[in-house]
């Protein structure tokens, strides 16, 4: 049985997206940000995160008109399992970056991140009328790269040895997706 959907903004098959709130910051969320398995993949997770710094980060983003920040919620349980962020949005050039995080270990590698990304990409390109989206990841994060390719993103650049993580320098892969390419890609699938 599905739990009650609260404050849904975008809805998929198994998840929905709602605005992230300061009240979402709890011990579990803080543990996601300090998860060593994730910190190698997410540049902002280089240093240990305390509640106050996380609250400041979330507050600055949810109050920024150039950022859309969502909680990813599993429909069946009503559990906040991760976040997805669009921004900063450049309204003149009509482009933005996006990133996602499935924080709960038991919800990773189940397609929730891809479902959330598809909702946000559709929203960004078709509702906000953005022209192009960008996403970056470590070259070793093959799951993220594969997921982004399934949405139609293409590798546009590789910055060699950009990030020092786990005792070595890693390349950063920058992928892009234009509105036209997304619509063509959607027709093929």
N, C-alpha and C. Protein backbone atom coordinates (compact mmCIF):
# COMPACT_ATOMS: atom_id res chain seq x y z
N UNK A 1 0.83 -1.19 0.00
CA UNK A 1 0.00 0.00 0.00
C UNK A 1 0.88 1.25 0.00
N UNK A 2 0.54 2.23 -0.86
CA UNK A 2 1.31 3.45 -0.93
C UNK A 2 1.03 4.32 0.28
N UNK A 3 2.08 4.94 0.78
CA UNK A 3 1.90 5.87 1.89
C UNK A 3 1.30 7.17 1.34
N UNK A 4 0.90 8.02 2.22
CA UNK A 4 0.32 9.29 1.80
C UNK A 4 1.39 10.16 1.15
N UNK A 5 1.08 10.69 -0.02
CA UNK A 5 2.01 11.56 -0.72
C UNK A 5 1.81 12.97 -0.20
N UNK A 6 2.91 13.56 0.30
CA UNK A 6 2.82 14.88 0.91
C UNK A 6 3.65 15.88 0.12
N UNK A 7 2.98 16.96 -0.32
CA UNK A 7 3.67 18.09 -0.93
C UNK A 7 4.36 17.72 -2.24
N UNK A 8 3.82 16.77 -2.98
CA UNK A 8 4.43 16.33 -4.24
C UNK A 8 4.42 17.45 -5.27
N UNK A 9 5.55 17.61 -5.95
CA UNK A 9 5.66 18.59 -7.04
C UNK A 9 5.73 17.87 -8.37
N UNK A 10 6.56 16.84 -8.45
CA UNK A 10 6.68 16.00 -9.65
C UNK A 10 6.55 14.56 -9.20
N UNK A 11 5.82 13.76 -9.97
CA UNK A 11 5.57 12.39 -9.55
C UNK A 11 5.94 11.40 -10.65
N UNK A 12 6.63 10.33 -10.25
CA UNK A 12 6.99 9.25 -11.15
C UNK A 12 6.24 7.99 -10.76
N UNK A 13 6.73 6.85 -11.23
CA UNK A 13 6.10 5.57 -10.91
C UNK A 13 6.34 5.15 -9.47
N UNK A 14 7.61 5.25 -9.02
CA UNK A 14 7.95 4.75 -7.69
C UNK A 14 8.40 5.83 -6.72
N UNK A 15 8.65 7.02 -7.26
CA UNK A 15 9.10 8.12 -6.40
C UNK A 15 8.33 9.38 -6.75
N UNK A 16 8.40 10.34 -5.84
CA UNK A 16 7.93 11.68 -6.17
C UNK A 16 8.95 12.67 -5.64
N UNK A 17 8.92 13.86 -6.20
CA UNK A 17 9.82 14.93 -5.80
C UNK A 17 8.99 16.02 -5.15
N UNK A 18 9.49 16.49 -4.02
CA UNK A 18 8.86 17.60 -3.31
C UNK A 18 9.96 18.57 -2.91
N UNK A 19 9.59 19.82 -2.63
CA UNK A 19 10.62 20.77 -2.23
C UNK A 19 11.36 20.27 -0.98
N UNK A 20 12.67 20.38 -1.01
CA UNK A 20 13.49 20.04 0.16
C UNK A 20 13.26 21.12 1.22
N UNK A 21 13.18 20.71 2.46
CA UNK A 21 12.93 21.63 3.57
C UNK A 21 14.03 21.47 4.62
N UNK A 22 14.20 22.50 5.42
CA UNK A 22 15.16 22.42 6.52
C UNK A 22 14.80 21.29 7.48
N UNK A 23 13.52 20.99 7.61
CA UNK A 23 13.09 19.92 8.51
C UNK A 23 13.52 18.54 8.02
N UNK A 24 13.98 18.45 6.75
CA UNK A 24 14.49 17.18 6.23
C UNK A 24 15.87 16.84 6.79
N UNK A 25 16.53 17.83 7.37
CA UNK A 25 17.87 17.60 7.91
C UNK A 25 17.73 16.88 9.25
N UNK A 26 18.16 15.63 9.23
CA UNK A 26 18.13 14.80 10.44
C UNK A 26 19.42 13.99 10.49
N UNK A 27 19.54 13.13 11.46
CA UNK A 27 20.77 12.35 11.61
C UNK A 27 21.05 11.48 10.39
N UNK A 28 19.99 10.93 9.78
CA UNK A 28 20.20 10.09 8.61
C UNK A 28 20.74 10.92 7.44
N UNK A 29 20.17 12.08 7.19
CA UNK A 29 20.63 12.94 6.10
C UNK A 29 22.09 13.33 6.34
N UNK A 30 22.44 13.69 7.55
CA UNK A 30 23.83 14.04 7.86
C UNK A 30 24.74 12.84 7.60
N UNK A 31 24.27 11.63 7.92
CA UNK A 31 25.09 10.43 7.67
C UNK A 31 25.32 10.22 6.18
N UNK A 32 24.34 10.58 5.33
CA UNK A 32 24.55 10.47 3.87
C UNK A 32 25.72 11.34 3.46
N UNK A 33 25.75 12.56 4.00
CA UNK A 33 26.77 13.52 3.61
C UNK A 33 28.16 13.15 4.13
N UNK A 34 28.20 12.26 5.10
CA UNK A 34 29.48 11.80 5.65
C UNK A 34 29.80 10.36 5.25
N UNK A 35 29.06 9.82 4.31
CA UNK A 35 29.25 8.45 3.84
C UNK A 35 30.49 8.37 2.95
N UNK A 36 31.49 7.65 3.40
CA UNK A 36 32.75 7.55 2.66
C UNK A 36 32.53 6.96 1.27
N UNK A 37 31.58 6.05 1.13
CA UNK A 37 31.31 5.45 -0.18
C UNK A 37 30.81 6.49 -1.18
N UNK A 38 30.12 7.50 -0.71
CA UNK A 38 29.61 8.55 -1.59
C UNK A 38 30.58 9.70 -1.75
N UNK A 39 31.35 9.99 -0.72
CA UNK A 39 32.18 11.20 -0.73
C UNK A 39 33.20 11.21 -1.86
N UNK A 40 33.62 10.06 -2.33
CA UNK A 40 34.55 10.03 -3.44
C UNK A 40 33.92 10.47 -4.74
N UNK A 41 32.61 10.41 -4.84
CA UNK A 41 31.92 10.76 -6.07
C UNK A 41 31.35 12.17 -6.08
N UNK A 42 31.21 12.78 -4.92
CA UNK A 42 30.55 14.08 -4.85
C UNK A 42 31.53 15.12 -4.31
N UNK A 43 31.94 16.07 -5.17
CA UNK A 43 32.97 17.04 -4.79
C UNK A 43 32.67 17.82 -3.53
N UNK A 44 31.42 18.15 -3.25
CA UNK A 44 31.10 18.94 -2.06
C UNK A 44 31.24 18.14 -0.78
N UNK A 45 31.50 16.84 -0.90
CA UNK A 45 31.58 15.98 0.29
C UNK A 45 33.04 15.66 0.64
N UNK A 46 33.91 16.62 0.50
CA UNK A 46 35.32 16.42 0.78
C UNK A 46 35.63 16.44 2.28
N UNK A 47 34.90 17.27 3.01
CA UNK A 47 35.16 17.43 4.43
C UNK A 47 33.96 16.93 5.24
N UNK A 48 34.18 16.55 6.48
CA UNK A 48 33.06 16.11 7.32
C UNK A 48 31.99 17.20 7.41
N UNK A 49 30.73 16.78 7.42
CA UNK A 49 29.60 17.70 7.45
C UNK A 49 28.97 17.68 8.84
N UNK A 50 28.75 18.88 9.38
CA UNK A 50 28.04 19.03 10.65
C UNK A 50 26.64 19.57 10.35
N UNK A 51 25.75 19.40 11.29
CA UNK A 51 24.36 19.83 11.11
C UNK A 51 24.27 21.29 10.68
N UNK A 52 25.00 22.17 11.36
CA UNK A 52 24.90 23.60 11.07
C UNK A 52 25.35 23.92 9.64
N UNK A 53 26.44 23.32 9.20
CA UNK A 53 26.90 23.60 7.83
C UNK A 53 25.92 23.05 6.79
N UNK A 54 25.31 21.90 7.07
CA UNK A 54 24.32 21.34 6.16
C UNK A 54 23.07 22.22 6.14
N UNK A 55 22.64 22.69 7.30
CA UNK A 55 21.49 23.60 7.35
C UNK A 55 21.77 24.87 6.55
N UNK A 56 22.97 25.43 6.70
CA UNK A 56 23.34 26.64 5.95
C UNK A 56 23.31 26.38 4.45
N UNK A 57 23.85 25.23 4.03
CA UNK A 57 23.87 24.88 2.61
C UNK A 57 22.46 24.72 2.06
N UNK A 58 21.63 23.96 2.75
CA UNK A 58 20.26 23.74 2.29
C UNK A 58 19.50 25.05 2.27
N UNK A 59 19.61 25.84 3.34
CA UNK A 59 18.89 27.11 3.40
C UNK A 59 19.31 28.05 2.27
N UNK A 60 20.60 28.13 1.99
CA UNK A 60 21.05 29.03 0.91
C UNK A 60 20.52 28.58 -0.44
N UNK A 61 20.36 27.28 -0.63
CA UNK A 61 19.85 26.78 -1.90
C UNK A 61 18.33 26.88 -2.02
N UNK A 62 17.60 26.60 -0.95
CA UNK A 62 16.14 26.66 -1.06
C UNK A 62 15.64 28.11 -1.13
N UNK A 63 16.46 29.05 -0.71
CA UNK A 63 16.09 30.47 -0.81
C UNK A 63 16.66 31.15 -2.06
N UNK A 64 17.34 30.39 -2.89
CA UNK A 64 17.96 30.93 -4.10
C UNK A 64 17.01 30.75 -5.28
N UNK A 65 16.58 31.84 -5.93
CA UNK A 65 15.65 31.71 -7.06
C UNK A 65 16.28 31.05 -8.29
N UNK A 66 17.58 30.84 -8.26
CA UNK A 66 18.27 30.21 -9.38
C UNK A 66 18.57 28.73 -9.12
N UNK A 67 17.95 28.18 -8.08
CA UNK A 67 18.15 26.78 -7.71
C UNK A 67 16.79 26.14 -7.44
N UNK A 68 16.62 24.92 -7.94
CA UNK A 68 15.45 24.10 -7.61
C UNK A 68 15.99 22.87 -6.89
N UNK A 69 15.58 22.68 -5.65
CA UNK A 69 16.15 21.62 -4.81
C UNK A 69 15.01 20.74 -4.31
N UNK A 70 15.05 19.47 -4.69
CA UNK A 70 13.99 18.54 -4.35
C UNK A 70 14.46 17.42 -3.43
N UNK A 71 13.57 16.97 -2.58
CA UNK A 71 13.73 15.72 -1.85
C UNK A 71 13.16 14.62 -2.75
N UNK A 72 13.87 13.50 -2.84
CA UNK A 72 13.37 12.33 -3.57
C UNK A 72 12.71 11.44 -2.51
N UNK A 73 11.43 11.13 -2.72
CA UNK A 73 10.66 10.37 -1.74
C UNK A 73 10.13 9.10 -2.38
N UNK A 74 10.39 7.98 -1.73
CA UNK A 74 9.87 6.70 -2.19
C UNK A 74 8.37 6.67 -1.91
N UNK A 75 7.57 6.44 -2.95
CA UNK A 75 6.11 6.46 -2.78
C UNK A 75 5.62 5.38 -1.82
N UNK A 76 6.15 4.17 -1.94
CA UNK A 76 5.62 3.05 -1.15
C UNK A 76 5.79 3.23 0.35
N UNK A 77 6.85 3.92 0.76
CA UNK A 77 7.11 4.08 2.19
C UNK A 77 6.96 5.51 2.68
N UNK A 78 6.97 6.46 1.75
CA UNK A 78 6.95 7.87 2.16
C UNK A 78 8.28 8.34 2.71
N UNK A 79 9.35 7.57 2.46
CA UNK A 79 10.67 7.86 3.01
C UNK A 79 11.49 8.74 2.09
N UNK A 80 12.10 9.76 2.67
CA UNK A 80 13.04 10.64 1.97
C UNK A 80 14.32 9.83 1.73
N UNK A 81 14.62 9.52 0.47
CA UNK A 81 15.75 8.63 0.17
C UNK A 81 16.93 9.35 -0.49
N UNK A 82 16.74 10.59 -0.89
CA UNK A 82 17.81 11.32 -1.54
C UNK A 82 17.36 12.70 -1.97
N UNK A 83 18.22 13.36 -2.74
CA UNK A 83 17.95 14.72 -3.21
C UNK A 83 18.34 14.84 -4.67
N UNK A 84 17.74 15.82 -5.33
CA UNK A 84 18.13 16.17 -6.68
C UNK A 84 18.04 17.68 -6.80
N UNK A 85 19.07 18.26 -7.41
CA UNK A 85 19.18 19.72 -7.47
C UNK A 85 19.39 20.17 -8.90
N UNK A 86 18.71 21.22 -9.27
CA UNK A 86 18.86 21.85 -10.57
C UNK A 86 19.37 23.26 -10.30
N UNK A 87 20.56 23.54 -10.76
CA UNK A 87 21.09 24.89 -10.56
C UNK A 87 22.55 24.89 -10.18
N UNK A 88 23.14 26.04 -10.28
CA UNK A 88 22.48 27.30 -10.54
C UNK A 88 21.96 27.38 -11.98
N UNK A 89 20.80 28.01 -12.11
CA UNK A 89 20.18 28.20 -13.42
C UNK A 89 20.63 29.55 -13.96
N UNK A 90 21.11 29.55 -15.19
CA UNK A 90 21.47 30.77 -15.88
C UNK A 90 20.27 31.10 -16.78
N UNK A 91 19.45 32.08 -16.35
CA UNK A 91 18.21 32.38 -17.06
C UNK A 91 18.45 33.07 -18.39
N UNK A 92 19.57 33.76 -18.54
CA UNK A 92 19.86 34.43 -19.81
C UNK A 92 20.29 33.41 -20.86
N UNK A 93 21.24 32.56 -20.52
CA UNK A 93 21.72 31.53 -21.45
C UNK A 93 20.82 30.30 -21.47
N UNK A 94 19.88 30.24 -20.51
CA UNK A 94 18.90 29.16 -20.40
C UNK A 94 19.58 27.79 -20.25
N UNK A 95 20.49 27.70 -19.29
CA UNK A 95 21.11 26.42 -18.99
C UNK A 95 21.30 26.26 -17.49
N UNK A 96 21.58 25.03 -17.09
CA UNK A 96 21.76 24.74 -15.67
C UNK A 96 22.52 23.44 -15.51
N UNK A 97 23.07 23.27 -14.33
CA UNK A 97 23.67 22.00 -13.93
C UNK A 97 22.65 21.25 -13.10
N UNK A 98 22.82 19.94 -13.06
CA UNK A 98 21.99 19.20 -12.11
C UNK A 98 22.81 18.08 -11.50
N UNK A 99 22.40 17.69 -10.31
CA UNK A 99 23.06 16.60 -9.61
C UNK A 99 22.06 15.87 -8.74
N UNK A 100 22.36 14.63 -8.46
CA UNK A 100 21.45 13.83 -7.64
C UNK A 100 22.24 12.96 -6.68
N UNK A 101 21.55 12.58 -5.63
CA UNK A 101 22.15 11.74 -4.60
C UNK A 101 21.07 10.82 -4.04
N UNK A 102 21.30 9.53 -4.12
CA UNK A 102 20.46 8.59 -3.39
C UNK A 102 21.25 8.26 -2.13
N UNK A 103 20.80 8.79 -1.02
CA UNK A 103 21.54 8.69 0.23
C UNK A 103 21.37 7.36 0.94
N UNK A 104 20.16 6.84 0.93
CA UNK A 104 19.89 5.59 1.65
C UNK A 104 20.52 4.42 0.89
N UNK A 105 21.41 3.71 1.54
CA UNK A 105 22.14 2.60 0.91
C UNK A 105 21.20 1.58 0.29
N UNK A 106 20.14 1.22 0.99
CA UNK A 106 19.23 0.19 0.50
C UNK A 106 18.41 0.64 -0.71
N UNK A 107 18.45 1.93 -1.04
CA UNK A 107 17.71 2.43 -2.20
C UNK A 107 18.60 2.72 -3.41
N UNK A 108 19.89 2.46 -3.28
CA UNK A 108 20.82 2.70 -4.40
C UNK A 108 20.75 1.56 -5.40
N UNK A 109 21.07 1.87 -6.65
CA UNK A 109 21.13 0.90 -7.75
C UNK A 109 19.79 0.21 -7.98
N UNK A 110 18.71 0.96 -7.76
CA UNK A 110 17.37 0.42 -8.00
C UNK A 110 16.60 1.26 -9.02
N UNK A 111 17.27 2.24 -9.62
CA UNK A 111 16.63 3.06 -10.64
C UNK A 111 15.92 4.30 -10.11
N UNK A 112 15.97 4.54 -8.79
CA UNK A 112 15.31 5.72 -8.23
C UNK A 112 15.98 7.01 -8.72
N UNK A 113 17.30 7.01 -8.77
CA UNK A 113 18.02 8.19 -9.24
C UNK A 113 17.72 8.50 -10.69
N UNK A 114 17.63 7.47 -11.52
CA UNK A 114 17.30 7.66 -12.94
C UNK A 114 15.88 8.19 -13.09
N UNK A 115 14.96 7.67 -12.30
CA UNK A 115 13.58 8.13 -12.38
C UNK A 115 13.49 9.60 -11.96
N UNK A 116 14.19 9.97 -10.89
CA UNK A 116 14.20 11.36 -10.43
C UNK A 116 14.84 12.26 -11.49
N UNK A 117 15.95 11.81 -12.07
CA UNK A 117 16.63 12.60 -13.09
C UNK A 117 15.73 12.82 -14.30
N UNK A 118 15.01 11.80 -14.72
CA UNK A 118 14.11 11.95 -15.86
C UNK A 118 13.03 13.00 -15.56
N UNK A 119 12.48 12.99 -14.35
CA UNK A 119 11.48 13.98 -13.97
C UNK A 119 12.07 15.39 -14.01
N UNK A 120 13.26 15.56 -13.48
CA UNK A 120 13.88 16.89 -13.43
C UNK A 120 14.29 17.36 -14.82
N UNK A 121 14.81 16.47 -15.64
CA UNK A 121 15.20 16.86 -17.00
C UNK A 121 13.96 17.31 -17.79
N UNK A 122 12.88 16.55 -17.70
CA UNK A 122 11.63 16.95 -18.36
C UNK A 122 11.16 18.31 -17.86
N UNK A 123 11.18 18.49 -16.56
CA UNK A 123 10.75 19.75 -15.94
C UNK A 123 11.63 20.91 -16.42
N UNK A 124 12.94 20.72 -16.38
CA UNK A 124 13.87 21.78 -16.76
C UNK A 124 13.72 22.20 -18.22
N UNK A 125 13.63 21.21 -19.10
CA UNK A 125 13.60 21.51 -20.53
C UNK A 125 12.22 21.88 -21.05
N UNK A 126 11.18 21.29 -20.49
CA UNK A 126 9.84 21.50 -21.03
C UNK A 126 8.98 22.47 -20.24
N UNK A 127 9.24 22.65 -18.96
CA UNK A 127 8.46 23.59 -18.15
C UNK A 127 9.23 24.89 -17.95
N UNK A 128 10.48 24.78 -17.50
CA UNK A 128 11.29 25.98 -17.32
C UNK A 128 11.83 26.51 -18.64
N UNK A 129 11.69 25.72 -19.70
CA UNK A 129 12.12 26.10 -21.04
C UNK A 129 13.62 26.39 -21.11
N UNK A 130 14.41 25.61 -20.36
CA UNK A 130 15.86 25.74 -20.47
C UNK A 130 16.32 25.12 -21.78
N UNK A 131 17.42 25.61 -22.29
CA UNK A 131 17.96 25.12 -23.56
C UNK A 131 18.88 23.93 -23.36
N UNK A 132 19.65 23.94 -22.25
CA UNK A 132 20.65 22.89 -22.09
C UNK A 132 20.92 22.61 -20.62
N UNK A 133 21.21 21.34 -20.34
CA UNK A 133 21.58 20.90 -18.99
C UNK A 133 22.97 20.28 -19.02
N UNK A 134 23.66 20.42 -17.91
CA UNK A 134 24.99 19.84 -17.75
C UNK A 134 25.03 19.01 -16.48
N UNK A 135 25.84 17.98 -16.50
CA UNK A 135 26.08 17.18 -15.31
C UNK A 135 27.54 16.75 -15.35
N UNK A 136 28.18 16.69 -14.21
CA UNK A 136 29.57 16.24 -14.17
C UNK A 136 29.72 15.13 -13.15
N UNK A 137 30.68 14.27 -13.40
CA UNK A 137 30.95 13.17 -12.47
C UNK A 137 32.39 12.71 -12.64
N UNK A 138 32.87 11.98 -11.65
CA UNK A 138 34.18 11.36 -11.78
C UNK A 138 34.13 10.33 -12.90
N UNK A 139 35.21 10.21 -13.62
CA UNK A 139 35.27 9.22 -14.71
C UNK A 139 35.07 7.81 -14.17
N UNK A 140 35.44 7.57 -12.92
CA UNK A 140 35.28 6.24 -12.33
C UNK A 140 33.84 5.95 -11.89
N UNK A 141 32.96 6.95 -11.93
CA UNK A 141 31.57 6.76 -11.52
C UNK A 141 30.76 6.28 -12.73
N UNK A 142 31.03 5.06 -13.13
CA UNK A 142 30.40 4.50 -14.33
C UNK A 142 28.88 4.40 -14.21
N UNK A 143 28.36 4.21 -13.00
CA UNK A 143 26.90 4.13 -12.82
C UNK A 143 26.24 5.46 -13.18
N UNK A 144 26.82 6.57 -12.72
CA UNK A 144 26.25 7.89 -13.02
C UNK A 144 26.37 8.19 -14.51
N UNK A 145 27.51 7.89 -15.10
CA UNK A 145 27.70 8.15 -16.53
C UNK A 145 26.72 7.34 -17.35
N UNK A 146 26.56 6.09 -17.02
CA UNK A 146 25.62 5.22 -17.74
C UNK A 146 24.19 5.72 -17.59
N UNK A 147 23.81 6.10 -16.39
CA UNK A 147 22.46 6.61 -16.13
C UNK A 147 22.21 7.88 -16.95
N UNK A 148 23.20 8.77 -16.98
CA UNK A 148 23.04 10.01 -17.73
C UNK A 148 22.96 9.75 -19.24
N UNK A 149 23.71 8.79 -19.73
CA UNK A 149 23.63 8.43 -21.15
C UNK A 149 22.24 7.90 -21.50
N UNK A 150 21.62 7.16 -20.58
CA UNK A 150 20.28 6.64 -20.82
C UNK A 150 19.25 7.76 -20.97
N UNK A 151 19.54 8.91 -20.38
CA UNK A 151 18.66 10.07 -20.51
C UNK A 151 18.94 10.87 -21.79
N UNK A 152 20.04 10.52 -22.47
CA UNK A 152 20.40 11.23 -23.69
C UNK A 152 21.58 12.16 -23.56
N UNK A 153 22.16 12.26 -22.37
CA UNK A 153 23.34 13.10 -22.19
C UNK A 153 24.51 12.52 -22.98
N UNK A 154 25.36 13.41 -23.49
CA UNK A 154 26.56 13.01 -24.21
C UNK A 154 27.78 13.64 -23.55
N UNK A 155 28.89 12.93 -23.60
CA UNK A 155 30.13 13.45 -23.06
C UNK A 155 30.57 14.62 -23.93
N UNK A 156 30.80 15.77 -23.29
CA UNK A 156 31.23 16.96 -24.02
C UNK A 156 32.66 17.34 -23.68
N UNK A 157 33.13 16.91 -22.51
CA UNK A 157 34.50 17.24 -22.12
C UNK A 157 34.96 16.30 -21.02
N UNK A 158 36.26 16.12 -20.99
CA UNK A 158 36.90 15.39 -19.90
C UNK A 158 38.03 16.28 -19.39
N UNK A 159 37.96 16.62 -18.13
CA UNK A 159 39.02 17.41 -17.52
C UNK A 159 39.94 16.44 -16.79
N UNK A 160 41.14 16.32 -17.29
CA UNK A 160 42.10 15.36 -16.77
C UNK A 160 42.58 15.73 -15.37
N UNK A 161 42.61 14.73 -14.50
CA UNK A 161 43.17 14.84 -13.15
C UNK A 161 42.66 16.07 -12.40
N UNK A 162 41.36 16.29 -12.45
CA UNK A 162 40.74 17.47 -11.84
C UNK A 162 40.52 17.30 -10.34
N UNK A 163 40.22 16.09 -9.91
CA UNK A 163 39.84 15.86 -8.51
C UNK A 163 40.77 14.86 -7.85
N UNK A 164 41.23 15.20 -6.65
CA UNK A 164 42.05 14.29 -5.87
C UNK A 164 41.14 13.57 -4.90
N UNK A 165 41.02 12.26 -5.06
CA UNK A 165 40.16 11.48 -4.20
C UNK A 165 40.72 10.08 -4.03
N UNK A 166 40.58 9.54 -2.85
CA UNK A 166 41.08 8.19 -2.54
C UNK A 166 42.55 8.00 -2.93
N UNK A 167 43.34 9.03 -2.68
CA UNK A 167 44.78 8.93 -2.88
C UNK A 167 45.27 9.07 -4.31
N UNK A 168 44.40 9.50 -5.24
CA UNK A 168 44.84 9.68 -6.62
C UNK A 168 44.03 10.76 -7.30
N UNK A 169 44.57 11.27 -8.39
CA UNK A 169 43.85 12.27 -9.19
C UNK A 169 42.93 11.56 -10.16
N UNK A 170 41.71 12.10 -10.29
CA UNK A 170 40.73 11.50 -11.19
C UNK A 170 40.23 12.52 -12.19
N UNK A 171 39.86 12.01 -13.36
CA UNK A 171 39.28 12.85 -14.40
C UNK A 171 37.82 13.15 -14.06
N UNK A 172 37.37 14.31 -14.50
CA UNK A 172 35.97 14.70 -14.39
C UNK A 172 35.36 14.66 -15.78
N UNK A 173 34.21 13.99 -15.90
CA UNK A 173 33.50 13.91 -17.18
C UNK A 173 32.33 14.89 -17.12
N UNK A 174 32.27 15.78 -18.11
CA UNK A 174 31.18 16.74 -18.20
C UNK A 174 30.29 16.31 -19.37
N UNK A 175 29.01 16.15 -19.05
CA UNK A 175 28.04 15.70 -20.05
C UNK A 175 26.99 16.78 -20.24
N UNK A 176 26.47 16.87 -21.46
CA UNK A 176 25.46 17.87 -21.75
C UNK A 176 24.29 17.28 -22.51
N UNK A 177 23.17 17.97 -22.41
CA UNK A 177 21.95 17.56 -23.11
C UNK A 177 21.17 18.82 -23.48
N UNK A 178 20.97 19.03 -24.78
CA UNK A 178 20.17 20.16 -25.21
C UNK A 178 18.71 19.74 -25.31
N UNK A 179 17.84 20.72 -25.33
CA UNK A 179 16.41 20.46 -25.43
C UNK A 179 16.10 19.70 -26.72
N UNK A 180 16.68 20.12 -27.84
CA UNK A 180 16.44 19.45 -29.12
C UNK A 180 16.91 18.00 -29.09
N UNK A 181 18.11 17.78 -28.55
CA UNK A 181 18.64 16.41 -28.46
C UNK A 181 17.77 15.54 -27.58
N UNK A 182 17.26 16.11 -26.48
CA UNK A 182 16.40 15.36 -25.57
C UNK A 182 15.12 14.93 -26.28
N UNK A 183 14.52 15.83 -27.03
CA UNK A 183 13.28 15.49 -27.73
C UNK A 183 13.53 14.44 -28.81
N UNK A 184 14.65 14.54 -29.51
CA UNK A 184 15.00 13.51 -30.50
C UNK A 184 15.25 12.17 -29.83
N UNK A 185 15.97 12.21 -28.71
CA UNK A 185 16.28 10.99 -27.98
C UNK A 185 15.01 10.32 -27.45
N UNK A 186 14.07 11.13 -26.95
CA UNK A 186 12.82 10.58 -26.42
C UNK A 186 11.99 9.91 -27.50
N UNK A 187 12.07 10.40 -28.73
CA UNK A 187 11.33 9.79 -29.83
C UNK A 187 11.89 8.41 -30.18
N UNK A 188 13.20 8.22 -29.96
CA UNK A 188 13.85 6.95 -30.29
C UNK A 188 13.52 5.86 -29.29
N UNK A 189 13.31 6.23 -28.03
CA UNK A 189 13.07 5.22 -26.99
C UNK A 189 11.63 4.89 -26.78
